[in-house]
N, C-alpha and C. Protein backbone atom coordinates (compact mmCIF):
# COMPACT_ATOMS: atom_id res chain seq x y z
N MET A 1 0.73 -1.18 -0.06
CA MET A 1 -0.02 -0.05 -0.38
C MET A 1 1.10 1.35 -0.03
N PRO A 2 0.79 2.47 -1.43
CA PRO A 2 1.18 3.36 -1.01
C PRO A 2 1.28 4.37 0.22
N ILE A 3 2.26 5.11 0.55
CA ILE A 3 1.83 6.09 1.98
C ILE A 3 1.49 7.44 1.11
N PHE A 4 1.86 7.53 -0.28
CA PHE A 4 1.14 8.67 -0.91
C PHE A 4 -0.13 8.58 -1.17
N LYS A 5 -0.47 9.96 -1.80
CA LYS A 5 -2.01 10.14 -1.90
C LYS A 5 -1.77 10.13 -3.39
N PRO A 6 -2.57 9.50 -4.39
CA PRO A 6 -2.76 9.63 -5.64
C PRO A 6 -3.12 10.76 -6.79
N GLU A 7 -4.10 10.89 -5.56
CA GLU A 7 -5.36 12.07 -5.61
C GLU A 7 -4.68 13.78 -5.15
N GLN A 8 -3.57 13.35 -4.01
CA GLN A 8 -2.98 14.75 -3.86
C GLN A 8 -2.03 14.70 -4.90
N GLN A 9 -1.23 13.95 -5.45
CA GLN A 9 -0.27 13.79 -6.61
C GLN A 9 -1.19 14.78 -7.59
N TRP A 10 -2.26 14.46 -8.29
CA TRP A 10 -2.75 14.78 -9.52
C TRP A 10 -3.45 15.92 -8.90
N GLU A 11 -3.67 16.99 -7.91
CA GLU A 11 -3.91 17.87 -7.60
C GLU A 11 -2.36 18.99 -7.70
N ALA A 12 -1.33 18.23 -7.38
CA ALA A 12 -0.18 19.07 -7.49
C ALA A 12 0.02 19.18 -9.06
N TYR A 13 -0.14 18.50 -9.73
CA TYR A 13 0.07 18.37 -11.08
C TYR A 13 -0.67 19.58 -11.79
N LEU A 14 -2.04 19.56 -11.71
CA LEU A 14 -2.92 20.55 -11.85
C LEU A 14 -2.46 21.39 -11.58
N SER A 15 -2.31 21.85 -10.53
CA SER A 15 -1.85 23.04 -9.97
C SER A 15 -0.94 23.74 -10.78
N ALA A 16 -0.05 22.80 -11.18
CA ALA A 16 1.56 22.71 -12.02
C ALA A 16 0.79 23.28 -13.32
N PHE A 17 0.19 22.88 -14.04
CA PHE A 17 -0.35 23.32 -14.86
C PHE A 17 -1.22 24.31 -15.23
N ASN A 18 -1.85 25.07 -13.65
CA ASN A 18 -2.64 26.15 -13.67
C ASN A 18 -1.49 27.11 -13.26
N ALA A 19 -0.53 27.09 -13.17
CA ALA A 19 0.62 28.21 -12.44
C ALA A 19 1.00 28.96 -13.38
N GLN A 20 0.89 30.25 -13.15
CA GLN A 20 1.58 31.20 -14.15
C GLN A 20 3.04 31.47 -13.70
N GLU A 21 2.93 31.31 -12.93
CA GLU A 21 4.88 31.79 -12.37
C GLU A 21 5.64 30.33 -12.55
N ALA A 22 6.93 30.52 -13.64
CA ALA A 22 8.06 29.34 -13.71
C ALA A 22 8.38 28.53 -12.36
N GLY A 23 8.58 29.56 -11.62
CA GLY A 23 9.28 28.58 -10.46
C GLY A 23 8.26 27.93 -9.56
N GLU A 24 6.88 28.22 -9.57
CA GLU A 24 5.99 27.66 -8.95
C GLU A 24 5.37 26.61 -9.54
N ARG A 25 5.43 26.44 -10.94
CA ARG A 25 5.04 25.28 -11.69
C ARG A 25 6.24 24.81 -11.41
N GLU A 26 7.83 24.76 -11.41
CA GLU A 26 8.57 23.73 -11.49
C GLU A 26 8.42 22.89 -10.22
N ASN A 27 8.52 24.01 -8.93
CA ASN A 27 8.33 23.20 -7.79
C ASN A 27 6.94 22.25 -7.74
N LEU A 28 6.21 22.40 -8.13
CA LEU A 28 4.83 21.26 -8.21
C LEU A 28 5.35 20.18 -9.19
N LEU A 29 5.96 20.57 -10.35
CA LEU A 29 5.99 19.22 -10.95
C LEU A 29 7.16 18.31 -10.76
N GLN A 30 7.98 19.22 -9.73
CA GLN A 30 9.17 18.52 -9.28
C GLN A 30 8.39 17.51 -8.11
N GLN A 31 7.24 17.89 -7.41
CA GLN A 31 6.60 17.50 -6.25
C GLN A 31 6.10 15.93 -7.15
N SER A 32 5.26 16.20 -8.49
CA SER A 32 4.18 15.50 -9.01
C SER A 32 4.62 14.57 -9.88
N VAL A 33 5.72 14.86 -10.74
CA VAL A 33 6.41 14.20 -11.93
C VAL A 33 7.56 13.53 -11.81
N SER A 34 7.93 12.48 -12.22
CA SER A 34 9.44 11.84 -12.37
C SER A 34 10.21 13.06 -13.49
N ASP A 35 11.21 12.68 -13.21
CA ASP A 35 12.51 13.18 -13.86
C ASP A 35 12.07 12.77 -15.50
N ASP A 36 11.69 12.00 -15.52
CA ASP A 36 11.63 10.85 -16.98
C ASP A 36 10.22 10.86 -17.44
N VAL A 37 9.28 11.78 -17.14
CA VAL A 37 7.93 11.38 -17.14
C VAL A 37 7.56 11.43 -18.65
N GLU A 38 6.40 10.37 -19.37
CA GLU A 38 6.68 10.13 -20.51
C GLU A 38 4.60 10.99 -20.51
N PHE A 39 4.67 11.47 -21.64
CA PHE A 39 3.30 12.41 -21.54
C PHE A 39 3.15 12.26 -23.19
N THR A 40 1.49 12.13 -23.12
CA THR A 40 0.97 12.32 -24.70
C THR A 40 -0.65 12.73 -24.76
N ASN A 41 -0.87 13.25 -25.40
CA ASN A 41 -1.99 14.12 -25.79
C ASN A 41 -2.33 14.23 -27.03
N PRO A 42 -3.87 14.49 -27.31
CA PRO A 42 -3.53 14.78 -28.93
C PRO A 42 -3.13 15.82 -29.30
N GLY A 43 -2.39 16.75 -28.53
CA GLY A 43 -1.69 18.14 -29.62
C GLY A 43 -0.55 17.55 -29.41
N SER A 44 0.24 16.81 -28.07
CA SER A 44 1.34 16.80 -28.28
C SER A 44 2.23 15.19 -27.34
N ASN A 45 3.31 15.29 -27.55
CA ASN A 45 3.94 14.02 -26.74
C ASN A 45 5.40 14.13 -26.38
N GLY A 46 5.85 13.69 -25.35
CA GLY A 46 7.10 14.48 -24.70
C GLY A 46 7.75 13.03 -23.93
N LYS A 47 8.77 13.15 -23.35
CA LYS A 47 9.37 12.59 -22.28
C LYS A 47 10.53 13.98 -21.00
N GLY A 48 10.36 13.89 -20.10
CA GLY A 48 10.87 14.56 -19.23
C GLY A 48 10.42 15.43 -18.82
N ARG A 49 10.80 15.98 -17.30
CA ARG A 49 9.84 17.06 -16.59
C ARG A 49 10.11 18.14 -17.45
N SER A 50 11.55 18.55 -17.53
CA SER A 50 11.61 20.12 -18.40
C SER A 50 10.79 20.23 -19.77
N VAL A 51 10.71 19.18 -20.76
CA VAL A 51 9.90 18.87 -21.51
C VAL A 51 8.53 19.10 -21.42
N LEU A 52 8.13 19.10 -20.24
CA LEU A 52 6.41 19.02 -19.76
C LEU A 52 6.01 20.30 -19.37
N SER A 53 7.10 21.08 -18.89
CA SER A 53 7.32 22.05 -18.31
C SER A 53 7.22 22.92 -19.55
N THR A 54 7.88 23.21 -20.12
CA THR A 54 7.98 23.70 -21.55
C THR A 54 6.68 23.67 -22.55
N HIS A 55 5.86 22.54 -22.47
CA HIS A 55 5.02 22.28 -23.29
C HIS A 55 3.66 22.94 -22.30
N ILE A 56 3.83 22.94 -21.31
CA ILE A 56 2.82 24.18 -20.51
C ILE A 56 2.96 25.40 -20.53
N GLN A 57 4.33 25.74 -20.53
CA GLN A 57 4.55 27.59 -20.87
C GLN A 57 3.74 27.63 -21.98
N GLU A 58 4.37 26.83 -23.06
CA GLU A 58 3.13 26.96 -24.52
C GLU A 58 1.92 27.33 -25.07
N PHE A 59 1.33 26.22 -23.71
CA PHE A 59 -0.20 25.90 -23.84
C PHE A 59 -0.50 27.46 -22.66
N HIS A 60 -0.08 28.18 -22.01
CA HIS A 60 0.15 29.16 -21.30
C HIS A 60 -0.22 30.82 -22.17
N GLU A 61 0.96 30.34 -22.79
CA GLU A 61 1.35 31.90 -24.15
C GLU A 61 0.36 31.68 -25.46
N LYS A 62 -0.16 30.16 -25.95
CA LYS A 62 -1.38 29.91 -26.62
C LYS A 62 -2.78 30.60 -26.50
N MET A 63 -3.11 30.09 -25.07
CA MET A 63 -4.53 30.06 -24.18
C MET A 63 -4.18 30.59 -22.74
N PRO A 64 -3.86 31.76 -23.15
CA PRO A 64 -3.94 33.07 -21.78
C PRO A 64 -4.83 32.96 -21.06
N GLY A 65 -4.94 32.53 -19.82
CA GLY A 65 -5.91 32.59 -18.98
C GLY A 65 -6.96 31.28 -18.55
N LEU A 66 -6.66 30.68 -19.65
CA LEU A 66 -7.44 29.25 -19.40
C LEU A 66 -6.91 28.16 -18.24
N TYR A 67 -7.88 27.82 -17.35
CA TYR A 67 -7.68 26.98 -16.43
C TYR A 67 -8.16 25.90 -16.11
N PHE A 68 -7.69 24.71 -15.40
CA PHE A 68 -8.52 23.22 -15.47
C PHE A 68 -8.73 23.11 -13.89
N THR A 69 -10.16 22.52 -13.81
CA THR A 69 -10.23 21.81 -12.08
C THR A 69 -10.54 20.58 -12.40
N THR A 70 -10.76 19.77 -11.68
CA THR A 70 -10.70 18.28 -11.16
C THR A 70 -12.16 18.04 -10.74
N ASP A 71 -12.61 17.14 -11.94
CA ASP A 71 -14.21 16.90 -11.81
C ASP A 71 -14.18 15.30 -10.72
N LYS A 72 -13.55 14.48 -10.78
CA LYS A 72 -13.29 13.09 -9.94
C LYS A 72 -12.11 12.61 -10.61
N THR A 73 -11.75 11.63 -9.45
CA THR A 73 -10.45 10.91 -9.92
C THR A 73 -10.98 9.41 -9.20
N PHE A 74 -10.67 8.41 -10.25
CA PHE A 74 -10.73 7.20 -9.64
C PHE A 74 -9.43 6.00 -9.92
N LEU A 75 -9.05 5.29 -8.61
CA LEU A 75 -8.00 4.59 -8.45
C LEU A 75 -8.43 3.16 -8.63
N SER A 76 -7.78 2.68 -9.41
CA SER A 76 -7.89 1.25 -9.37
C SER A 76 -6.23 0.47 -9.81
N GLN A 77 -6.15 -0.61 -9.42
CA GLN A 77 -4.85 -1.53 -9.35
C GLN A 77 -3.53 -0.38 -9.70
N GLY A 78 -3.31 0.49 -8.79
CA GLY A 78 -2.38 1.63 -9.00
C GLY A 78 -2.08 2.41 -10.24
N ASP A 79 -3.06 2.49 -10.97
CA ASP A 79 -3.23 3.64 -11.83
C ASP A 79 -4.58 4.89 -11.13
N LEU A 80 -4.33 5.98 -11.83
CA LEU A 80 -5.28 6.62 -11.54
C LEU A 80 -6.20 7.45 -12.99
N LEU A 81 -6.87 7.61 -13.05
CA LEU A 81 -7.83 8.26 -14.12
C LEU A 81 -8.45 9.61 -13.41
N ALA A 82 -8.11 10.61 -13.91
CA ALA A 82 -8.36 11.89 -13.68
C ALA A 82 -9.96 12.59 -14.71
N VAL A 83 -10.50 12.79 -14.32
CA VAL A 83 -11.80 13.10 -15.06
C VAL A 83 -11.56 14.97 -14.91
N TRP A 84 -11.27 16.04 -15.52
CA TRP A 84 -11.19 17.37 -15.41
C TRP A 84 -12.24 18.46 -16.62
N SER A 85 -12.16 19.23 -15.76
CA SER A 85 -12.50 20.27 -17.03
C SER A 85 -11.70 21.77 -17.00
N MET A 86 -12.11 22.36 -18.44
CA MET A 86 -11.31 23.22 -18.68
C MET A 86 -11.94 24.63 -18.94
N PHE A 87 -11.66 25.72 -18.28
CA PHE A 87 -12.20 27.04 -18.27
C PHE A 87 -11.76 27.87 -18.78
N ARG A 88 -12.52 29.25 -19.25
CA ARG A 88 -11.93 30.41 -19.67
C ARG A 88 -11.93 31.26 -18.34
N PRO A 89 -11.17 32.50 -18.77
CA PRO A 89 -10.89 33.43 -17.82
C PRO A 89 -11.94 33.70 -17.00
N ASP A 90 -13.60 33.86 -17.42
CA ASP A 90 -14.40 34.31 -17.19
C ASP A 90 -15.42 33.21 -16.50
N GLY A 91 -14.64 32.01 -16.24
CA GLY A 91 -15.19 31.01 -15.53
C GLY A 91 -16.24 30.28 -16.30
N SER A 92 -16.63 30.42 -17.86
CA SER A 92 -17.07 29.31 -18.45
C SER A 92 -16.47 28.38 -18.86
N LYS A 93 -17.44 27.25 -18.67
CA LYS A 93 -16.93 26.00 -19.65
C LYS A 93 -16.67 25.47 -20.57
N ILE A 94 -15.31 25.10 -21.20
CA ILE A 94 -14.97 25.09 -22.70
C ILE A 94 -14.90 23.61 -23.41
N ALA A 95 -14.33 22.89 -21.81
CA ALA A 95 -14.00 21.34 -22.67
C ALA A 95 -14.00 20.98 -21.04
N MET A 96 -13.59 19.40 -21.40
CA MET A 96 -13.74 17.92 -20.69
C MET A 96 -12.84 17.02 -21.01
N GLY A 97 -11.71 16.74 -20.24
CA GLY A 97 -11.18 15.58 -20.51
C GLY A 97 -10.96 14.73 -19.75
N TYR A 98 -10.09 13.63 -19.99
CA TYR A 98 -9.79 12.62 -19.15
C TYR A 98 -8.03 12.77 -18.90
N ASN A 99 -7.37 12.15 -18.06
CA ASN A 99 -6.32 11.63 -17.66
C ASN A 99 -5.67 10.32 -17.40
N TYR A 100 -5.22 9.45 -17.79
CA TYR A 100 -4.53 8.03 -17.52
C TYR A 100 -3.28 8.08 -17.05
N LEU A 101 -2.85 7.84 -15.79
CA LEU A 101 -1.62 8.26 -15.06
C LEU A 101 -1.14 6.89 -14.54
N ARG A 102 0.22 6.67 -14.29
CA ARG A 102 0.77 5.82 -13.78
C ARG A 102 2.11 6.41 -13.06
N PHE A 103 1.96 5.76 -11.64
CA PHE A 103 3.13 6.35 -10.69
C PHE A 103 4.44 5.36 -10.38
N ASP A 104 5.19 5.78 -9.47
CA ASP A 104 6.29 5.23 -8.81
C ASP A 104 5.77 5.02 -7.89
N ALA A 105 7.29 4.14 -7.54
CA ALA A 105 7.16 4.24 -5.69
C ALA A 105 7.13 5.21 -4.93
N ALA A 106 7.57 6.52 -5.82
CA ALA A 106 7.50 7.51 -4.47
C ALA A 106 6.18 8.63 -4.98
N GLY A 107 5.49 8.01 -6.07
CA GLY A 107 4.32 8.53 -6.25
C GLY A 107 4.26 9.56 -7.00
N ARG A 108 5.55 9.73 -7.47
CA ARG A 108 5.70 10.81 -8.86
C ARG A 108 4.76 9.97 -10.13
N PHE A 109 4.10 10.65 -10.97
CA PHE A 109 3.83 10.48 -12.27
C PHE A 109 4.74 9.90 -13.34
N THR A 110 4.75 8.98 -13.62
CA THR A 110 6.10 8.41 -14.47
C THR A 110 5.24 8.43 -16.24
N PHE A 111 3.77 7.67 -16.26
CA PHE A 111 2.81 8.28 -17.75
C PHE A 111 2.18 8.86 -17.75
N MET A 112 1.50 9.90 -18.18
CA MET A 112 0.38 10.43 -18.45
C MET A 112 -0.20 10.31 -19.61
N ALA A 113 -1.61 10.27 -19.78
CA ALA A 113 -1.87 10.02 -21.21
C ALA A 113 -3.31 11.17 -21.30
N GLY A 114 -3.19 12.24 -21.85
CA GLY A 114 -4.37 12.95 -22.17
C GLY A 114 -5.36 12.61 -22.86
N PHE A 115 -6.76 12.54 -22.49
CA PHE A 115 -7.69 12.53 -23.72
C PHE A 115 -8.70 13.41 -23.71
N PHE A 116 -8.59 14.38 -25.03
CA PHE A 116 -9.94 15.23 -25.07
C PHE A 116 -10.37 15.44 -26.23
């Protein structure tokens, strides 16, 4: 039984994705994803925390002010499925999606697949 809480790691990751300040984002990513995290979604693929950080920064540059919230999480067989929503700065919901995540013994995500 892991001593970490995957749902809290997800919230740290989502907070990193929402963070506007690079230093805050880096701290949250160090907490929530492994150095060699692999990620994939319909818009990009990558490997490594620094590549993920760049991906997030580029998202903020292309879509200023958009943010995410968690709708629900499911934990099964050591994997996490997160359901999330994306919002405009005015609070209007514009999308919903899913992330499937695997994590290491320390609780940091090693693989993330986004579906939207």
